[in-house]
């Protein structure tokens, strides 16, 4: 397929080099960085440090692995560029915009921002987008059209005074937004100092608030107003939370030995299960099926426990391990290696039903068939605390 495994020198850089996704139960979208010489061109406002690279995209039919479609994209940085949607479409991020693609790899403009788009997240229902962008600080609000759908407009901050060579222009800032994916309507906008990970569901967004000692409080802020505490978790590092489904939150935290632990908590505050990684499993990454019934955790396997006096080098990385969990119980449904080791992920995918798992390993794409995952427990609606 033209894929060349990245060298070990990429480890630690967190470059997004591969993306593996199920379009549906019987088709895979595999995209990967294509090495080689690239014609360098500079557009207005583009610096000489801009990273331009080519991404090859191919659609494979299962189980034969036959090629259905292929394309070549150009992107201009080295972080994640693709997000799969539930309806067989996907979002491709580059510069200040998002494009919408499908199984034919036909690409259409979707949303455009006043500055470079740094990061994208979706809620489990995929009604909402969380975006981080890099935009001028001295700006005024105006409507910016979204190219698809044609009727959608987004109220964004746009620089109306910026001109080439302007000496007194203020430096750009990072802007985080929550907006409706279909219409582009902005629900929340804030200027921040750094890129923000903001887990959301259809009801609101989740914050990890510092408590006493090792305690962190999970606080759900409702879009309609008010908030509610979902629970607490002890962690020696800043925990990372993510909505796996509408009513289930997965928290990645650190225990007192420095090992990573997973904790699945419902929006009613019930702890479904916990799992602790060994000390020699680091840099966990999470992916999950569209329905949230199965999730994947991949970690780098290293030769020794990492401490301040005993850091790791590339030679200490022995491989990458993938574990597939049933979200309802925490039971491990599959454990398998992935190769090459990619510290930015993208080499594992779970099908819409959760019954198929694809893993990039040793130069091939392996597809595993699993039994149906168990259903999540019913979670009652909780009152909003004002």
Protein backbone atom coordinates (compact mmCIF):
# COMPACT_ATOMS: atom_id res chain seq x y z
CA UNK A 1 0.00 0.00 0.00
CA UNK A 2 3.03 2.25 -0.03
CA UNK A 3 3.27 2.49 3.76
CA UNK A 4 6.76 2.78 5.25
CA UNK A 5 7.16 2.32 8.99
CA UNK A 6 8.44 5.50 10.67
CA UNK A 7 11.87 5.25 12.26
CA UNK A 8 12.51 5.21 16.01
CA UNK A 9 13.70 8.81 15.84
CA UNK A 10 10.03 9.90 15.82
CA UNK A 11 9.45 8.49 19.32
CA UNK A 12 8.88 11.31 21.79
CA UNK A 13 7.93 13.87 19.16
CA UNK A 14 4.21 12.94 19.28
CA UNK A 15 3.88 13.42 15.52
CA UNK A 16 0.64 12.10 14.03
CA UNK A 17 1.90 9.82 11.25
CA UNK A 18 -0.97 7.34 10.78
CA UNK A 19 -4.76 7.25 11.05
CA UNK A 20 -6.72 3.98 10.96
CA UNK A 21 -10.54 4.14 11.12
CA UNK A 22 -13.63 2.09 10.31
CA UNK A 23 -15.91 3.82 7.82
CA UNK A 24 -18.46 1.09 8.51
CA UNK A 25 -18.31 -2.58 9.54
CA UNK A 26 -16.79 -3.66 6.23
CA UNK A 27 -14.57 -0.75 5.16
CA UNK A 28 -11.40 0.75 6.58
CA UNK A 29 -9.88 4.17 5.97
CA UNK A 30 -6.09 4.02 6.30
CA UNK A 31 -4.08 7.23 5.96
CA UNK A 32 -0.36 7.71 6.47
CA UNK A 33 2.50 10.13 5.97
CA UNK A 34 4.31 9.70 2.65
CA UNK A 35 8.03 10.51 2.89
CA UNK A 36 9.81 12.30 0.08
CA UNK A 37 10.67 15.68 -1.34
CA UNK A 38 7.91 18.29 -1.14
CA UNK A 39 7.73 21.50 -3.13
CA UNK A 40 7.94 24.35 -0.62
CA UNK A 41 5.75 27.36 -1.25
CA UNK A 42 4.93 30.23 1.06
CA UNK A 43 1.59 31.90 1.15
CA UNK A 44 0.85 35.31 2.65
CA UNK A 45 1.52 35.18 6.36
CA UNK A 46 3.13 31.72 6.25
CA UNK A 47 6.48 31.38 7.97
CA UNK A 48 9.50 29.48 6.73
CA UNK A 49 9.06 27.07 9.65
CA UNK A 50 5.72 25.76 8.33
CA UNK A 51 5.64 21.96 8.07
CA UNK A 52 4.14 20.76 4.81
CA UNK A 53 3.70 17.02 4.28
CA UNK A 54 1.72 14.64 2.14
CA UNK A 55 -0.78 12.10 3.46
CA UNK A 56 -1.88 9.13 1.38
CA UNK A 57 -5.45 7.94 1.99
CA UNK A 58 -6.83 4.55 0.95
CA UNK A 59 -10.19 2.85 1.50
CA UNK A 60 -10.05 -0.93 1.96
CA UNK A 61 -12.95 -3.38 1.71
CA UNK A 62 -13.09 -6.22 4.26
CA UNK A 63 -12.42 -9.09 4.49
CA UNK A 64 -10.44 -9.23 1.23
CA UNK A 65 -8.61 -5.94 1.74
CA UNK A 66 -9.31 -4.77 -1.81
CA UNK A 67 -8.69 -1.13 -2.65
CA UNK A 68 -11.87 0.91 -3.20
CA UNK A 69 -10.55 4.48 -3.30
CA UNK A 70 -7.31 6.38 -2.85
CA UNK A 71 -6.19 9.99 -2.61
CA UNK A 72 -3.31 12.27 -1.67
CA UNK A 73 -3.70 15.18 0.76
CA UNK A 74 -1.36 17.98 1.78
CA UNK A 75 -1.39 19.15 5.41
CA UNK A 76 0.77 21.75 7.10
CA UNK A 77 1.61 20.54 10.60
CA UNK A 78 2.38 17.28 12.38
CA UNK A 79 -0.49 16.81 14.82
CA UNK A 80 -3.75 14.91 14.39
CA UNK A 81 -5.51 15.71 11.13
CA UNK A 82 -8.50 13.31 10.87
CA UNK A 83 -11.65 12.60 12.93
CA UNK A 84 -14.12 9.90 11.88
CA UNK A 85 -17.87 10.56 12.09
CA UNK A 86 -20.59 8.00 12.77
CA UNK A 87 -22.32 8.34 9.38
CA UNK A 88 -19.32 7.21 7.31
CA UNK A 89 -18.00 10.73 6.80
CA UNK A 90 -14.86 12.19 8.35
CA UNK A 91 -13.36 15.61 9.14
CA UNK A 92 -9.94 16.55 7.75
CA UNK A 93 -8.18 19.46 9.50
CA UNK A 94 -5.60 21.69 7.84
CA UNK A 95 -4.61 25.30 8.45
CA UNK A 96 -7.73 27.37 9.23
CA UNK A 97 -10.37 24.94 8.01
CA UNK A 98 -12.14 21.61 8.19
CA UNK A 99 -13.11 19.55 5.16
CA UNK A 100 -15.79 16.86 5.07
CA UNK A 101 -14.94 13.59 3.32
CA UNK A 102 -16.64 10.26 2.62
CA UNK A 103 -15.80 6.72 1.48
CA UNK A 104 -15.12 7.92 -2.08
CA UNK A 105 -12.55 10.38 -0.63
CA UNK A 106 -14.53 13.21 -2.18
CA UNK A 107 -13.64 16.28 -0.07
CA UNK A 108 -15.85 19.34 0.51
CA UNK A 109 -15.18 22.48 2.58
CA UNK A 110 -16.98 22.41 5.92
CA UNK A 111 -15.91 25.13 8.39
CA UNK A 112 -13.40 27.96 8.20
CA UNK A 113 -11.81 29.87 11.09
CA UNK A 114 -10.05 33.27 11.34
CA UNK A 115 -6.73 31.59 12.16
CA UNK A 116 -4.96 28.20 12.21
CA UNK A 117 -7.10 25.40 13.67
CA UNK A 118 -5.01 23.63 16.30
CA UNK A 119 -7.27 20.87 17.65
CA UNK A 120 -10.75 19.36 17.31
CA UNK A 121 -12.89 17.23 19.64
CA UNK A 122 -16.43 15.87 19.37
CA UNK A 123 -19.02 14.85 21.94
CA UNK A 124 -20.24 11.20 21.87
CA UNK A 125 -23.37 12.12 19.91
CA UNK A 126 -21.25 14.22 17.52
CA UNK A 127 -23.70 17.11 17.74
CA UNK A 128 -20.97 19.45 18.98
CA UNK A 129 -17.40 20.37 18.16
CA UNK A 130 -14.77 21.73 20.53
CA UNK A 131 -12.15 23.67 18.58
CA UNK A 132 -8.87 25.33 19.52
CA UNK A 133 -7.58 27.95 17.09
CA UNK A 134 -4.80 30.53 16.95
CA UNK A 135 -6.24 33.97 16.18
CA UNK A 136 -5.44 37.69 16.35
CA UNK A 137 -6.03 39.24 19.77
CA UNK A 138 -7.07 42.72 18.58
CA UNK A 139 -10.20 41.73 16.75
CA UNK A 140 -13.88 42.38 16.36
CA UNK A 141 -16.65 39.86 15.92
CA UNK A 142 -18.23 39.27 12.54
CA UNK A 143 -20.00 36.44 10.77
CA UNK A 144 -17.74 33.97 8.99
CA UNK A 145 -19.42 31.71 6.47
CA UNK A 146 -19.13 27.95 6.65
CA UNK A 147 -18.79 26.49 3.20
CA UNK A 148 -20.94 23.42 3.95
CA UNK A 149 -23.82 23.43 4.61
CA UNK A 150 -24.22 26.57 2.51
CA UNK A 151 -26.67 28.20 4.94
CA UNK A 152 -24.45 27.83 8.02
CA UNK A 153 -22.72 30.86 9.54
CA UNK A 154 -20.41 31.04 12.53
CA UNK A 155 -19.99 34.06 14.79
CA UNK A 156 -16.24 34.17 15.26
CA UNK A 157 -13.60 36.72 16.13
CA UNK A 158 -12.00 38.02 12.94
CA UNK A 159 -9.22 40.55 12.63
CA UNK A 160 -10.55 43.51 10.64
CA UNK A 161 -7.52 45.72 11.24
CA UNK A 162 -4.67 43.35 10.47
CA UNK A 163 -2.59 44.30 7.47
CA UNK A 164 0.69 43.07 6.14
CA UNK A 165 3.64 44.81 7.84
CA UNK A 166 1.55 46.32 10.66
CA UNK A 167 4.01 46.97 13.50
CA UNK A 168 1.60 47.55 16.36
CA UNK A 169 -0.50 44.43 15.87
CA UNK A 170 -0.95 42.45 19.06
CA UNK A 171 0.33 38.86 19.10
CA UNK A 172 -2.27 36.16 18.32
CA UNK A 173 -4.03 34.21 21.08
CA UNK A 174 -5.55 30.77 21.42
CA UNK A 175 -9.34 30.62 21.22
CA UNK A 176 -11.51 27.70 22.34
CA UNK A 177 -15.08 27.29 21.10
CA UNK A 178 -17.97 24.89 21.51
CA UNK A 179 -20.18 24.96 18.43
CA UNK A 180 -22.95 22.91 16.86
CA UNK A 181 -21.46 20.74 14.13
CA UNK A 182 -24.37 20.87 11.69
CA UNK A 183 -25.19 24.58 11.87
CA UNK A 184 -21.88 26.03 13.05
CA UNK A 185 -23.65 28.03 15.79
CA UNK A 186 -21.23 28.97 18.58
CA UNK A 187 -22.38 28.09 22.12
CA UNK A 188 -19.25 29.08 24.07
CA UNK A 189 -16.10 31.03 23.22
CA UNK A 190 -13.10 31.88 25.39
CA UNK A 191 -9.53 33.09 24.92
CA UNK A 192 -7.04 30.84 26.67
CA UNK A 193 -3.28 30.68 27.26
CA UNK A 194 -2.76 27.19 25.89
CA UNK A 195 -4.61 24.51 23.95
CA UNK A 196 -7.51 23.18 26.04
CA UNK A 197 -8.85 19.63 26.23
CA UNK A 198 -12.56 20.07 27.02
CA UNK A 199 -14.57 16.82 27.32
CA UNK A 200 -18.25 17.36 26.49
CA UNK A 201 -21.48 15.44 26.04
CA UNK A 202 -24.82 16.74 24.76
CA UNK A 203 -25.61 18.25 28.18
CA UNK A 204 -22.44 20.15 29.07
CA UNK A 205 -18.68 20.12 29.57
CA UNK A 206 -16.54 18.48 32.24
CA UNK A 207 -13.88 20.13 34.42
CA UNK A 208 -11.25 18.51 36.63
CA UNK A 209 -11.01 20.77 39.69
CA UNK A 210 -8.21 20.55 42.24
CA UNK A 211 -9.36 19.49 45.72
CA UNK A 212 -7.43 18.76 48.89
CA UNK A 213 -4.24 16.74 48.75
CA UNK A 214 -4.40 14.25 45.89
CA UNK A 215 -8.14 14.76 45.34
CA UNK A 216 -9.58 15.96 42.03
CA UNK A 217 -13.26 16.80 41.61
CA UNK A 218 -15.16 15.99 38.38
CA UNK A 219 -17.61 18.85 37.78
CA UNK A 220 -20.17 18.79 34.94
CA UNK A 221 -21.23 22.26 33.74
CA UNK A 222 -24.56 22.23 31.91
CA UNK A 223 -25.12 24.22 28.72
CA UNK A 224 -28.53 25.15 30.12
CA UNK A 225 -26.93 26.58 33.28
CA UNK A 226 -25.86 25.14 36.61
CA UNK A 227 -23.42 22.35 37.41
CA UNK A 228 -23.12 19.09 39.30
CA UNK A 229 -20.24 17.18 40.88
CA UNK A 230 -19.98 13.67 39.40
CA UNK A 231 -17.40 12.35 41.83
CA UNK A 232 -13.81 12.52 43.06
CA UNK A 233 -10.63 10.73 42.11
CA UNK A 234 -7.18 10.65 43.74
CA UNK A 235 -4.28 11.35 41.40
CA UNK A 236 -0.67 12.48 41.73
CA UNK A 237 -0.83 13.98 38.20
CA UNK A 238 -3.41 16.12 36.46
CA UNK A 239 -6.09 13.60 35.41
CA UNK A 240 -7.49 13.47 31.90
CA UNK A 241 -11.24 12.88 31.43
CA UNK A 242 -13.16 11.84 28.34
CA UNK A 243 -16.79 11.04 27.56
CA UNK A 244 -16.79 7.53 26.11
CA UNK A 245 -20.55 7.69 25.70
CA UNK A 246 -23.29 10.08 26.70
CA UNK A 247 -23.44 8.76 30.29
CA UNK A 248 -19.96 7.32 30.83
CA UNK A 249 -16.73 9.18 31.63
CA UNK A 250 -13.30 7.56 31.45
CA UNK A 251 -10.68 9.15 33.72
CA UNK A 252 -6.94 8.52 33.25
CA UNK A 253 -5.00 9.34 36.42
CA UNK A 254 -1.80 8.45 38.33
CA UNK A 255 -1.48 6.45 41.53
CA UNK A 256 1.12 7.10 44.22
CA UNK A 257 3.76 4.98 42.47
CA UNK A 258 3.37 6.98 39.26
CA UNK A 259 1.56 4.22 37.36
CA UNK A 260 -1.40 5.14 35.20
CA UNK A 261 -4.88 4.01 36.18
CA UNK A 262 -8.23 4.04 34.40
CA UNK A 263 -11.53 4.66 36.15
CA UNK A 264 -14.94 4.45 34.46
CA UNK A 265 -17.56 6.69 36.13
CA UNK A 266 -21.18 7.21 35.08
CA UNK A 267 -22.74 10.67 35.05
CA UNK A 268 -24.74 9.57 38.10
CA UNK A 269 -21.46 9.17 40.02
CA UNK A 270 -21.30 5.37 39.97
CA UNK A 271 -17.83 3.81 39.55
CA UNK A 272 -18.16 0.89 37.14
CA UNK A 273 -14.57 -0.38 37.20
CA UNK A 274 -10.91 0.49 37.69
CA UNK A 275 -7.72 -0.75 36.03
CA UNK A 276 -4.05 -0.04 36.81
CA UNK A 277 -1.25 -0.24 34.27
CA UNK A 278 2.11 -1.74 35.28
CA UNK A 279 4.98 0.67 35.98
CA UNK A 280 6.58 -0.26 32.67
CA UNK A 281 3.56 0.84 30.58
CA UNK A 282 3.68 4.56 29.78
CA UNK A 283 2.03 7.26 27.66
CA UNK A 284 -1.48 5.76 27.47
CA UNK A 285 -3.73 6.66 24.54
CA UNK A 286 -7.49 6.03 24.37
CA UNK A 287 -9.77 5.28 21.41
CA UNK A 288 -13.33 3.94 21.54
CA UNK A 289 -16.11 2.60 19.37
CA UNK A 290 -18.74 5.09 18.16
CA UNK A 291 -21.37 3.62 20.53
CA UNK A 292 -18.97 3.71 23.49
CA UNK A 293 -19.36 0.00 24.31
CA UNK A 294 -15.70 -0.84 23.67
CA UNK A 295 -12.54 1.17 24.19
CA UNK A 296 -8.88 0.69 23.36
CA UNK A 297 -5.91 1.67 25.47
CA UNK A 298 -2.46 1.52 23.93
CA UNK A 299 0.72 2.03 25.94
CA UNK A 300 4.43 1.95 25.24
CA UNK A 301 6.21 -0.99 26.89
CA UNK A 302 9.56 0.05 28.38
CA UNK A 303 12.38 -1.84 30.04
CA UNK A 304 12.27 -0.17 33.47
CA UNK A 305 10.21 2.07 35.70
CA UNK A 306 10.66 5.76 34.92
CA UNK A 307 11.88 8.04 37.73
CA UNK A 308 13.51 11.45 37.92
CA UNK A 309 16.90 9.76 38.26
CA UNK A 310 16.18 7.01 35.73
CA UNK A 311 14.58 8.50 32.58
CA UNK A 312 14.03 6.60 29.36
CA UNK A 313 15.65 6.73 25.95
CA UNK A 314 14.43 5.37 22.62
CA UNK A 315 16.40 2.18 23.27
CA UNK A 316 14.28 1.51 26.38
CA UNK A 317 11.05 1.29 24.34
CA UNK A 318 10.34 -2.41 23.67
CA UNK A 319 7.05 -2.10 21.82
CA UNK A 320 3.44 -0.96 22.01
CA UNK A 321 0.61 -2.93 23.60
CA UNK A 322 -3.09 -2.61 22.76
CA UNK A 323 -5.83 -3.67 25.17
CA UNK A 324 -9.51 -3.65 24.21
CA UNK A 325 -11.91 -3.18 27.16
CA UNK A 326 -15.63 -3.77 27.50
CA UNK A 327 -16.76 -0.34 28.68
CA UNK A 328 -19.52 -1.75 30.90
CA UNK A 329 -17.35 -4.14 32.91
CA UNK A 330 -13.67 -3.29 32.37
CA UNK A 331 -13.05 -6.85 31.13
CA UNK A 332 -10.20 -7.11 28.61
CA UNK A 333 -11.66 -8.53 25.39
CA UNK A 334 -8.41 -8.47 23.38
CA UNK A 335 -4.72 -7.89 24.01
CA UNK A 336 -2.30 -7.58 21.09
CA UNK A 337 0.89 -5.75 20.08
CA UNK A 338 1.02 -2.86 17.62
CA UNK A 339 4.05 -2.15 15.46
CA UNK A 340 5.66 0.25 14.77
CA UNK A 341 5.24 1.94 18.14
CA UNK A 342 3.48 5.28 17.53
CA UNK A 343 3.35 7.59 20.54
CA UNK A 344 0.58 9.67 18.92
CA UNK A 345 -1.63 6.66 18.20
CA UNK A 346 -3.85 6.32 15.16
CA UNK A 347 -2.86 2.68 14.65
CA UNK A 348 -5.95 1.10 16.32
CA UNK A 349 -9.61 1.27 15.31
CA UNK A 350 -12.87 -0.21 16.62
CA UNK A 351 -15.84 -0.77 14.31
CA UNK A 352 -19.26 0.88 14.85
CA UNK A 353 -20.67 -2.31 16.43
CA UNK A 354 -17.59 -2.84 18.60
CA UNK A 355 -17.25 -6.36 17.19
CA UNK A 356 -14.24 -5.71 14.98
CA UNK A 357 -10.84 -4.28 15.91
CA UNK A 358 -8.18 -3.28 13.39
CA UNK A 359 -4.52 -2.94 14.45
CA UNK A 360 -1.49 -1.91 12.41
CA UNK A 361 1.15 -4.50 13.30
CA UNK A 362 4.39 -5.66 11.68
CA UNK A 363 3.64 -4.28 8.24
CA UNK A 364 0.04 -5.52 7.96
CA UNK A 365 -3.41 -4.46 9.15
CA UNK A 366 -4.79 -7.19 11.39
CA UNK A 367 -8.57 -7.40 11.86
CA UNK A 368 -9.95 -9.25 14.89
CA UNK A 369 -13.56 -10.44 15.24
CA UNK A 370 -14.94 -10.24 18.79
CA UNK A 371 -18.23 -11.22 20.44
CA UNK A 372 -20.82 -8.51 20.96
CA UNK A 373 -19.93 -6.19 23.86
CA UNK A 374 -22.19 -6.04 26.93
CA UNK A 375 -24.58 -3.11 27.23
CA UNK A 376 -23.90 -0.23 29.57
CA UNK A 377 -26.02 -0.06 32.72
CA UNK A 378 -28.97 2.31 32.78
CA UNK A 379 -27.97 5.68 34.21
CA UNK A 380 -30.80 7.78 35.69
CA UNK A 381 -31.04 11.47 34.91
CA UNK A 382 -29.74 13.61 37.74
CA UNK A 383 -31.04 17.01 38.87
CA UNK A 384 -28.96 20.08 38.07
CA UNK A 385 -27.40 21.91 41.04
CA UNK A 386 -27.51 25.70 40.67
